[in-house]
Full PDB file with SEQRES, HELIX, SHEET, SSBOND, CRYST1, ORIGX, SCALE, CONECT and MASTER records, all heavy atoms in Angstrom:
SEQRES   1 A   30  ASP GLY VAL THR ARG ASP VAL PRO PRO ASP VAL ALA THR          
SEQRES   2 A   30  LEU ARG ALA ILE ALA GLU ARG THR GLY GLY GLU ALA PHE          
SEQRES   3 A   30  SER ALA ASP ASP                                              
HELIX    1 AA1 VAL A   11  THR A   21  1                                  11    
CRYST1    1.000    1.000    1.000  90.00  90.00  90.00 P 1           1          
ORIGX1      1.000000  0.000000  0.000000        0.00000                         
ORIGX2      0.000000  1.000000  0.000000        0.00000                         
ORIGX3      0.000000  0.000000  1.000000        0.00000                         
SCALE1      1.000000  0.000000  0.000000        0.00000                         
SCALE2      0.000000  1.000000  0.000000        0.00000                         
SCALE3      0.000000  0.000000  1.000000        0.00000                         
ATOM      1  N   ASP A   1      -6.715   4.453  22.093  1.00  0.00           N  
ATOM      2  CA  ASP A   1      -6.455   3.734  23.335  1.00  0.00           C  
ATOM      3  C   ASP A   1      -5.016   3.885  23.857  1.00  0.00           C  
ATOM      4  O   ASP A   1      -4.644   3.297  24.840  1.00  0.00           O  
ATOM      5  CB  ASP A   1      -6.746   2.234  23.137  1.00  0.00           C  
ATOM      6  CG  ASP A   1      -5.975   1.597  21.947  1.00  0.00           C  
ATOM      7  OD1 ASP A   1      -5.151   2.340  21.386  1.00  0.00           O  
ATOM      8  OD2 ASP A   1      -6.202   0.458  21.653  1.00  0.00           O  
ATOM      9  N   GLY A   2      -4.206   4.667  23.112  1.00  0.00           N  
ATOM     10  CA  GLY A   2      -2.834   4.944  23.556  1.00  0.00           C  
ATOM     11  C   GLY A   2      -1.812   3.908  23.068  1.00  0.00           C  
ATOM     12  O   GLY A   2      -0.631   4.018  23.349  1.00  0.00           O  
ATOM     13  N   VAL A   3      -2.305   2.887  22.402  1.00  0.00           N  
ATOM     14  CA  VAL A   3      -1.404   1.834  21.911  1.00  0.00           C  
ATOM     15  C   VAL A   3      -0.817   2.224  20.528  1.00  0.00           C  
ATOM     16  O   VAL A   3      -1.537   2.637  19.632  1.00  0.00           O  
ATOM     17  CB  VAL A   3      -2.157   0.495  21.796  1.00  0.00           C  
ATOM     18  CG1 VAL A   3      -1.277  -0.599  21.171  1.00  0.00           C  
ATOM     19  CG2 VAL A   3      -2.732   0.082  23.150  1.00  0.00           C  
ATOM     20  N   THR A   4       0.519   2.069  20.398  1.00  0.00           N  
ATOM     21  CA  THR A   4       1.206   2.349  19.144  1.00  0.00           C  
ATOM     22  C   THR A   4       1.251   1.084  18.321  1.00  0.00           C  
ATOM     23  O   THR A   4       1.616   0.053  18.786  1.00  0.00           O  
ATOM     24  CB  THR A   4       2.648   2.845  19.401  1.00  0.00           C  
ATOM     25  OG1 THR A   4       2.503   4.048  20.220  1.00  0.00           O  
ATOM     26  CG2 THR A   4       3.327   3.183  18.127  1.00  0.00           C  
ATOM     27  N   ARG A   5       0.862   1.253  17.030  1.00  0.00           N  
ATOM     28  CA  ARG A   5       0.818   0.096  16.133  1.00  0.00           C  
ATOM     29  C   ARG A   5       1.647   0.415  14.913  1.00  0.00           C  
ATOM     30  O   ARG A   5       1.677   1.541  14.441  1.00  0.00           O  
ATOM     31  CB  ARG A   5      -0.658  -0.176  15.678  1.00  0.00           C  
ATOM     32  CG  ARG A   5      -1.530  -0.621  16.798  1.00  0.00           C  
ATOM     33  CD  ARG A   5      -2.964  -0.771  16.367  1.00  0.00           C  
ATOM     34  NE  ARG A   5      -3.860  -1.213  17.373  1.00  0.00           N  
ATOM     35  CZ  ARG A   5      -4.383  -0.470  18.333  1.00  0.00           C  
ATOM     36  NH1 ARG A   5      -4.174   0.842  18.306  1.00  0.00           N  
ATOM     37  NH2 ARG A   5      -5.218  -0.969  19.242  1.00  0.00           N  
ATOM     38  N   ASP A   6       2.285  -0.669  14.364  1.00  0.00           N  
ATOM     39  CA  ASP A   6       2.998  -0.547  13.138  1.00  0.00           C  
ATOM     40  C   ASP A   6       2.001  -0.516  11.947  1.00  0.00           C  
ATOM     41  O   ASP A   6       1.078  -1.326  11.940  1.00  0.00           O  
ATOM     42  CB  ASP A   6       3.956  -1.743  12.890  1.00  0.00           C  
ATOM     43  CG  ASP A   6       5.053  -1.723  13.952  1.00  0.00           C  
ATOM     44  OD1 ASP A   6       5.462  -0.643  14.409  1.00  0.00           O  
ATOM     45  OD2 ASP A   6       5.578  -2.820  14.256  1.00  0.00           O  
ATOM     46  N   VAL A   7       2.192   0.420  11.050  1.00  0.00           N  
ATOM     47  CA  VAL A   7       1.298   0.531   9.902  1.00  0.00           C  
ATOM     48  C   VAL A   7       2.064   0.766   8.587  1.00  0.00           C  
ATOM     49  O   VAL A   7       1.837   1.796   7.934  1.00  0.00           O  
ATOM     50  CB  VAL A   7       0.232   1.650  10.122  1.00  0.00           C  
ATOM     51  CG1 VAL A   7      -0.771   1.254  11.152  1.00  0.00           C  
ATOM     52  CG2 VAL A   7       0.897   2.956  10.459  1.00  0.00           C  
ATOM     53  N   PRO A   8       2.900  -0.132   8.209  1.00  0.00           N  
ATOM     54  CA  PRO A   8       3.563   0.015   6.934  1.00  0.00           C  
ATOM     55  C   PRO A   8       2.560  -0.186   5.786  1.00  0.00           C  
ATOM     56  O   PRO A   8       1.605  -0.948   5.941  1.00  0.00           O  
ATOM     57  CB  PRO A   8       4.614  -1.055   6.914  1.00  0.00           C  
ATOM     58  CG  PRO A   8       4.021  -2.169   7.766  1.00  0.00           C  
ATOM     59  CD  PRO A   8       3.246  -1.438   8.865  1.00  0.00           C  
ATOM     60  N   PRO A   9       2.733   0.514   4.677  1.00  0.00           N  
ATOM     61  CA  PRO A   9       1.857   0.316   3.544  1.00  0.00           C  
ATOM     62  C   PRO A   9       1.998  -1.118   2.983  1.00  0.00           C  
ATOM     63  O   PRO A   9       3.072  -1.644   2.967  1.00  0.00           O  
ATOM     64  CB  PRO A   9       2.295   1.385   2.538  1.00  0.00           C  
ATOM     65  CG  PRO A   9       3.672   1.712   2.912  1.00  0.00           C  
ATOM     66  CD  PRO A   9       3.840   1.455   4.368  1.00  0.00           C  
ATOM     67  N   ASP A  10       0.926  -1.680   2.515  1.00  0.00           N  
ATOM     68  CA  ASP A  10       0.941  -3.002   1.918  1.00  0.00           C  
ATOM     69  C   ASP A  10       1.148  -2.875   0.418  1.00  0.00           C  
ATOM     70  O   ASP A  10       0.203  -2.902  -0.404  1.00  0.00           O  
ATOM     71  CB  ASP A  10      -0.387  -3.732   2.232  1.00  0.00           C  
ATOM     72  CG  ASP A  10      -0.340  -5.184   1.783  1.00  0.00           C  
ATOM     73  OD1 ASP A  10       0.628  -5.597   1.104  1.00  0.00           O  
ATOM     74  OD2 ASP A  10      -1.303  -5.907   2.122  1.00  0.00           O  
ATOM     75  N   VAL A  11       2.396  -2.598   0.063  1.00  0.00           N  
ATOM     76  CA  VAL A  11       2.754  -2.309  -1.351  1.00  0.00           C  
ATOM     77  C   VAL A  11       2.385  -3.457  -2.283  1.00  0.00           C  
ATOM     78  O   VAL A  11       1.899  -3.252  -3.395  1.00  0.00           O  
ATOM     79  CB  VAL A  11       4.255  -1.987  -1.458  1.00  0.00           C  
ATOM     80  CG1 VAL A  11       4.693  -1.704  -2.857  1.00  0.00           C  
ATOM     81  CG2 VAL A  11       4.582  -0.762  -0.565  1.00  0.00           C  
ATOM     82  N   ALA A  12       2.599  -4.698  -1.807  1.00  0.00           N  
ATOM     83  CA  ALA A  12       2.356  -5.829  -2.716  1.00  0.00           C  
ATOM     84  C   ALA A  12       0.836  -5.928  -3.051  1.00  0.00           C  
ATOM     85  O   ALA A  12       0.489  -6.168  -4.225  1.00  0.00           O  
ATOM     86  CB  ALA A  12       2.773  -7.100  -2.022  1.00  0.00           C  
ATOM     87  N   THR A  13      -0.006  -5.726  -2.073  1.00  0.00           N  
ATOM     88  CA  THR A  13      -1.477  -5.786  -2.398  1.00  0.00           C  
ATOM     89  C   THR A  13      -1.895  -4.652  -3.268  1.00  0.00           C  
ATOM     90  O   THR A  13      -2.651  -4.842  -4.229  1.00  0.00           O  
ATOM     91  CB  THR A  13      -2.223  -5.760  -1.037  1.00  0.00           C  
ATOM     92  OG1 THR A  13      -1.887  -6.875  -0.259  1.00  0.00           O  
ATOM     93  CG2 THR A  13      -3.722  -5.792  -1.306  1.00  0.00           C  
ATOM     94  N   LEU A  14      -1.387  -3.457  -3.028  1.00  0.00           N  
ATOM     95  CA  LEU A  14      -1.698  -2.341  -3.850  1.00  0.00           C  
ATOM     96  C   LEU A  14      -1.237  -2.517  -5.299  1.00  0.00           C  
ATOM     97  O   LEU A  14      -1.969  -2.160  -6.262  1.00  0.00           O  
ATOM     98  CB  LEU A  14      -1.171  -0.986  -3.283  1.00  0.00           C  
ATOM     99  CG  LEU A  14      -1.775  -0.564  -1.955  1.00  0.00           C  
ATOM    100  CD1 LEU A  14      -1.022   0.586  -1.351  1.00  0.00           C  
ATOM    101  CD2 LEU A  14      -3.245  -0.217  -2.122  1.00  0.00           C  
ATOM    102  N   ARG A  15      -0.048  -3.085  -5.433  1.00  0.00           N  
ATOM    103  CA  ARG A  15       0.447  -3.344  -6.792  1.00  0.00           C  
ATOM    104  C   ARG A  15      -0.376  -4.364  -7.510  1.00  0.00           C  
ATOM    105  O   ARG A  15      -0.705  -4.273  -8.683  1.00  0.00           O  
ATOM    106  CB  ARG A  15       1.944  -3.836  -6.679  1.00  0.00           C  
ATOM    107  CG  ARG A  15       2.535  -4.078  -8.072  1.00  0.00           C  
ATOM    108  CD  ARG A  15       4.032  -4.360  -8.013  1.00  0.00           C  
ATOM    109  NE  ARG A  15       4.765  -3.150  -7.688  1.00  0.00           N  
ATOM    110  CZ  ARG A  15       5.446  -2.937  -6.535  1.00  0.00           C  
ATOM    111  NH1 ARG A  15       5.502  -3.844  -5.641  1.00  0.00           N  
ATOM    112  NH2 ARG A  15       6.032  -1.798  -6.317  1.00  0.00           N  
ATOM    113  N   ALA A  16      -0.826  -5.441  -6.766  1.00  0.00           N  
ATOM    114  CA  ALA A  16      -1.644  -6.512  -7.366  1.00  0.00           C  
ATOM    115  C   ALA A  16      -2.991  -5.902  -7.805  1.00  0.00           C  
ATOM    116  O   ALA A  16      -3.470  -6.297  -8.885  1.00  0.00           O  
ATOM    117  CB  ALA A  16      -1.863  -7.596  -6.334  1.00  0.00           C  
ATOM    118  N   ILE A  17      -3.586  -5.013  -7.020  1.00  0.00           N  
ATOM    119  CA  ILE A  17      -4.875  -4.394  -7.403  1.00  0.00           C  
ATOM    120  C   ILE A  17      -4.663  -3.587  -8.645  1.00  0.00           C  
ATOM    121  O   ILE A  17      -5.451  -3.698  -9.635  1.00  0.00           O  
ATOM    122  CB  ILE A  17      -5.407  -3.486  -6.263  1.00  0.00           C  
ATOM    123  CG1 ILE A  17      -5.774  -4.369  -5.068  1.00  0.00           C  
ATOM    124  CG2 ILE A  17      -6.499  -2.583  -6.749  1.00  0.00           C  
ATOM    125  CD1 ILE A  17      -6.110  -3.504  -3.820  1.00  0.00           C  
ATOM    126  N   ALA A  18      -3.627  -2.762  -8.740  1.00  0.00           N  
ATOM    127  CA  ALA A  18      -3.367  -1.945  -9.918  1.00  0.00           C  
ATOM    128  C   ALA A  18      -3.123  -2.832 -11.168  1.00  0.00           C  
ATOM    129  O   ALA A  18      -3.703  -2.550 -12.202  1.00  0.00           O  
ATOM    130  CB  ALA A  18      -2.170  -1.060  -9.692  1.00  0.00           C  
ATOM    131  N   GLU A  19      -2.335  -3.844 -11.042  1.00  0.00           N  
ATOM    132  CA  GLU A  19      -2.030  -4.732 -12.172  1.00  0.00           C  
ATOM    133  C   GLU A  19      -3.320  -5.444 -12.650  1.00  0.00           C  
ATOM    134  O   GLU A  19      -3.528  -5.613 -13.850  1.00  0.00           O  
ATOM    135  CB  GLU A  19      -0.989  -5.719 -11.839  1.00  0.00           C  
ATOM    136  CG  GLU A  19       0.431  -5.098 -11.731  1.00  0.00           C  
ATOM    137  CD  GLU A  19       1.474  -6.078 -11.244  1.00  0.00           C  
ATOM    138  OE1 GLU A  19       1.154  -7.271 -10.994  1.00  0.00           O  
ATOM    139  OE2 GLU A  19       2.634  -5.594 -11.054  1.00  0.00           O  
ATOM    140  N   ARG A  20      -4.121  -5.896 -11.700  1.00  0.00           N  
ATOM    141  CA  ARG A  20      -5.324  -6.701 -12.087  1.00  0.00           C  
ATOM    142  C   ARG A  20      -6.348  -5.797 -12.839  1.00  0.00           C  
ATOM    143  O   ARG A  20      -7.082  -6.313 -13.661  1.00  0.00           O  
ATOM    144  CB  ARG A  20      -5.942  -7.296 -10.821  1.00  0.00           C  
ATOM    145  CG  ARG A  20      -7.060  -8.198 -11.126  1.00  0.00           C  
ATOM    146  CD  ARG A  20      -7.529  -8.920  -9.943  1.00  0.00           C  
ATOM    147  NE  ARG A  20      -8.552  -9.833 -10.293  1.00  0.00           N  
ATOM    148  CZ  ARG A  20      -9.095 -10.764  -9.521  1.00  0.00           C  
ATOM    149  NH1 ARG A  20      -8.579 -10.911  -8.311  1.00  0.00           N  
ATOM    150  NH2 ARG A  20      -9.997 -11.563  -9.944  1.00  0.00           N  
ATOM    151  N   THR A  21      -6.362  -4.540 -12.512  1.00  0.00           N  
ATOM    152  CA  THR A  21      -7.380  -3.666 -13.144  1.00  0.00           C  
ATOM    153  C   THR A  21      -6.801  -2.886 -14.337  1.00  0.00           C  
ATOM    154  O   THR A  21      -7.545  -2.150 -14.953  1.00  0.00           O  
ATOM    155  CB  THR A  21      -7.928  -2.616 -12.128  1.00  0.00           C  
ATOM    156  OG1 THR A  21      -6.823  -1.818 -11.643  1.00  0.00           O  
ATOM    157  CG2 THR A  21      -8.511  -3.349 -10.932  1.00  0.00           C  
ATOM    158  N   GLY A  22      -5.528  -3.067 -14.660  1.00  0.00           N  
ATOM    159  CA  GLY A  22      -4.935  -2.345 -15.757  1.00  0.00           C  
ATOM    160  C   GLY A  22      -4.443  -0.948 -15.408  1.00  0.00           C  
ATOM    161  O   GLY A  22      -4.135  -0.139 -16.269  1.00  0.00           O  
ATOM    162  N   GLY A  23      -4.343  -0.650 -14.108  1.00  0.00           N  
ATOM    163  CA  GLY A  23      -3.866   0.649 -13.617  1.00  0.00           C  
ATOM    164  C   GLY A  23      -2.359   0.589 -13.395  1.00  0.00           C  
ATOM    165  O   GLY A  23      -1.646  -0.271 -13.963  1.00  0.00           O  
ATOM    166  N   GLU A  24      -1.890   1.402 -12.506  1.00  0.00           N  
ATOM    167  CA  GLU A  24      -0.492   1.471 -12.163  1.00  0.00           C  
ATOM    168  C   GLU A  24      -0.335   1.735 -10.679  1.00  0.00           C  
ATOM    169  O   GLU A  24      -1.121   2.441 -10.075  1.00  0.00           O  
ATOM    170  CB  GLU A  24       0.183   2.570 -12.989  1.00  0.00           C  
ATOM    171  CG  GLU A  24       1.688   2.545 -12.976  1.00  0.00           C  
ATOM    172  CD  GLU A  24       2.300   3.520 -13.915  1.00  0.00           C  
ATOM    173  OE1 GLU A  24       1.611   4.052 -14.823  1.00  0.00           O  
ATOM    174  OE2 GLU A  24       3.496   3.837 -13.778  1.00  0.00           O  
ATOM    175  N   ALA A  25       0.721   1.159 -10.134  1.00  0.00           N  
ATOM    176  CA  ALA A  25       1.017   1.289  -8.716  1.00  0.00           C  
ATOM    177  C   ALA A  25       2.153   2.283  -8.493  1.00  0.00           C  
ATOM    178  O   ALA A  25       3.131   2.303  -9.204  1.00  0.00           O  
ATOM    179  CB  ALA A  25       1.385  -0.032  -8.077  1.00  0.00           C  
ATOM    180  N   PHE A  26       1.968   3.169  -7.523  1.00  0.00           N  
ATOM    181  CA  PHE A  26       3.001   4.167  -7.157  1.00  0.00           C  
ATOM    182  C   PHE A  26       3.291   4.038  -5.650  1.00  0.00           C  
ATOM    183  O   PHE A  26       2.474   3.571  -4.858  1.00  0.00           O  
ATOM    184  CB  PHE A  26       2.516   5.594  -7.487  1.00  0.00           C  
ATOM    185  CG  PHE A  26       2.175   5.834  -8.877  1.00  0.00           C  
ATOM    186  CD1 PHE A  26       0.900   5.632  -9.389  1.00  0.00           C  
ATOM    187  CD2 PHE A  26       3.187   6.246  -9.752  1.00  0.00           C  
ATOM    188  CE1 PHE A  26       0.594   5.878 -10.682  1.00  0.00           C  
ATOM    189  CE2 PHE A  26       2.883   6.475 -11.086  1.00  0.00           C  
ATOM    190  CZ  PHE A  26       1.583   6.295 -11.551  1.00  0.00           C  
ATOM    191  N   SER A  27       4.479   4.492  -5.256  1.00  0.00           N  
ATOM    192  CA  SER A  27       4.861   4.557  -3.875  1.00  0.00           C  
ATOM    193  C   SER A  27       5.384   5.974  -3.542  1.00  0.00           C  
ATOM    194  O   SER A  27       5.973   6.645  -4.424  1.00  0.00           O  
ATOM    195  CB  SER A  27       5.963   3.605  -3.504  1.00  0.00           C  
ATOM    196  OG  SER A  27       5.530   2.298  -3.631  1.00  0.00           O  
ATOM    197  N   ALA A  28       5.092   6.465  -2.347  1.00  0.00           N  
ATOM    198  CA  ALA A  28       5.564   7.832  -1.941  1.00  0.00           C  
ATOM    199  C   ALA A  28       5.948   7.740  -0.483  1.00  0.00           C  
ATOM    200  O   ALA A  28       5.118   7.429   0.394  1.00  0.00           O  
ATOM    201  CB  ALA A  28       4.477   8.810  -2.216  1.00  0.00           C  
ATOM    202  N   ASP A  29       7.158   7.969  -0.201  1.00  0.00           N  
ATOM    203  CA  ASP A  29       7.685   7.950   1.196  1.00  0.00           C  
ATOM    204  C   ASP A  29       7.534   9.305   1.895  1.00  0.00           C  
ATOM    205  O   ASP A  29       7.497   9.358   3.080  1.00  0.00           O  
ATOM    206  CB  ASP A  29       9.141   7.499   1.249  1.00  0.00           C  
ATOM    207  CG  ASP A  29       9.336   6.070   0.846  1.00  0.00           C  
ATOM    208  OD1 ASP A  29       8.381   5.307   0.988  1.00  0.00           O  
ATOM    209  OD2 ASP A  29      10.411   5.742   0.314  1.00  0.00           O  
ATOM    210  N   ASP A  30       7.499  10.384   1.091  1.00  0.00           N  
ATOM    211  CA  ASP A  30       7.415  11.718   1.711  1.00  0.00           C  
ATOM    212  C   ASP A  30       6.532  12.619   0.804  1.00  0.00           C  
ATOM    213  O   ASP A  30       6.058  12.237  -0.257  1.00  0.00           O  
ATOM    214  CB  ASP A  30       8.763  12.346   1.943  1.00  0.00           C  
ATOM    215  CG  ASP A  30       9.608  12.471   0.661  1.00  0.00           C  
ATOM    216  OD1 ASP A  30       9.046  12.696  -0.369  1.00  0.00           O  
ATOM    217  OD2 ASP A  30      10.864  12.322   0.728  1.00  0.00           O  
TER     218      ASP A  30                                                      
MASTER        0    0    0    1    0    0    0    6  217    1    0    3          
END                                                                             
């Protein structure tokens, strides 16, 4: 639709998912 939206990654939610399941959370900026 031509509208620009902010889409930062939800690091906190991803970290919580990884911790709850026994996995690990990673971040990558590039």
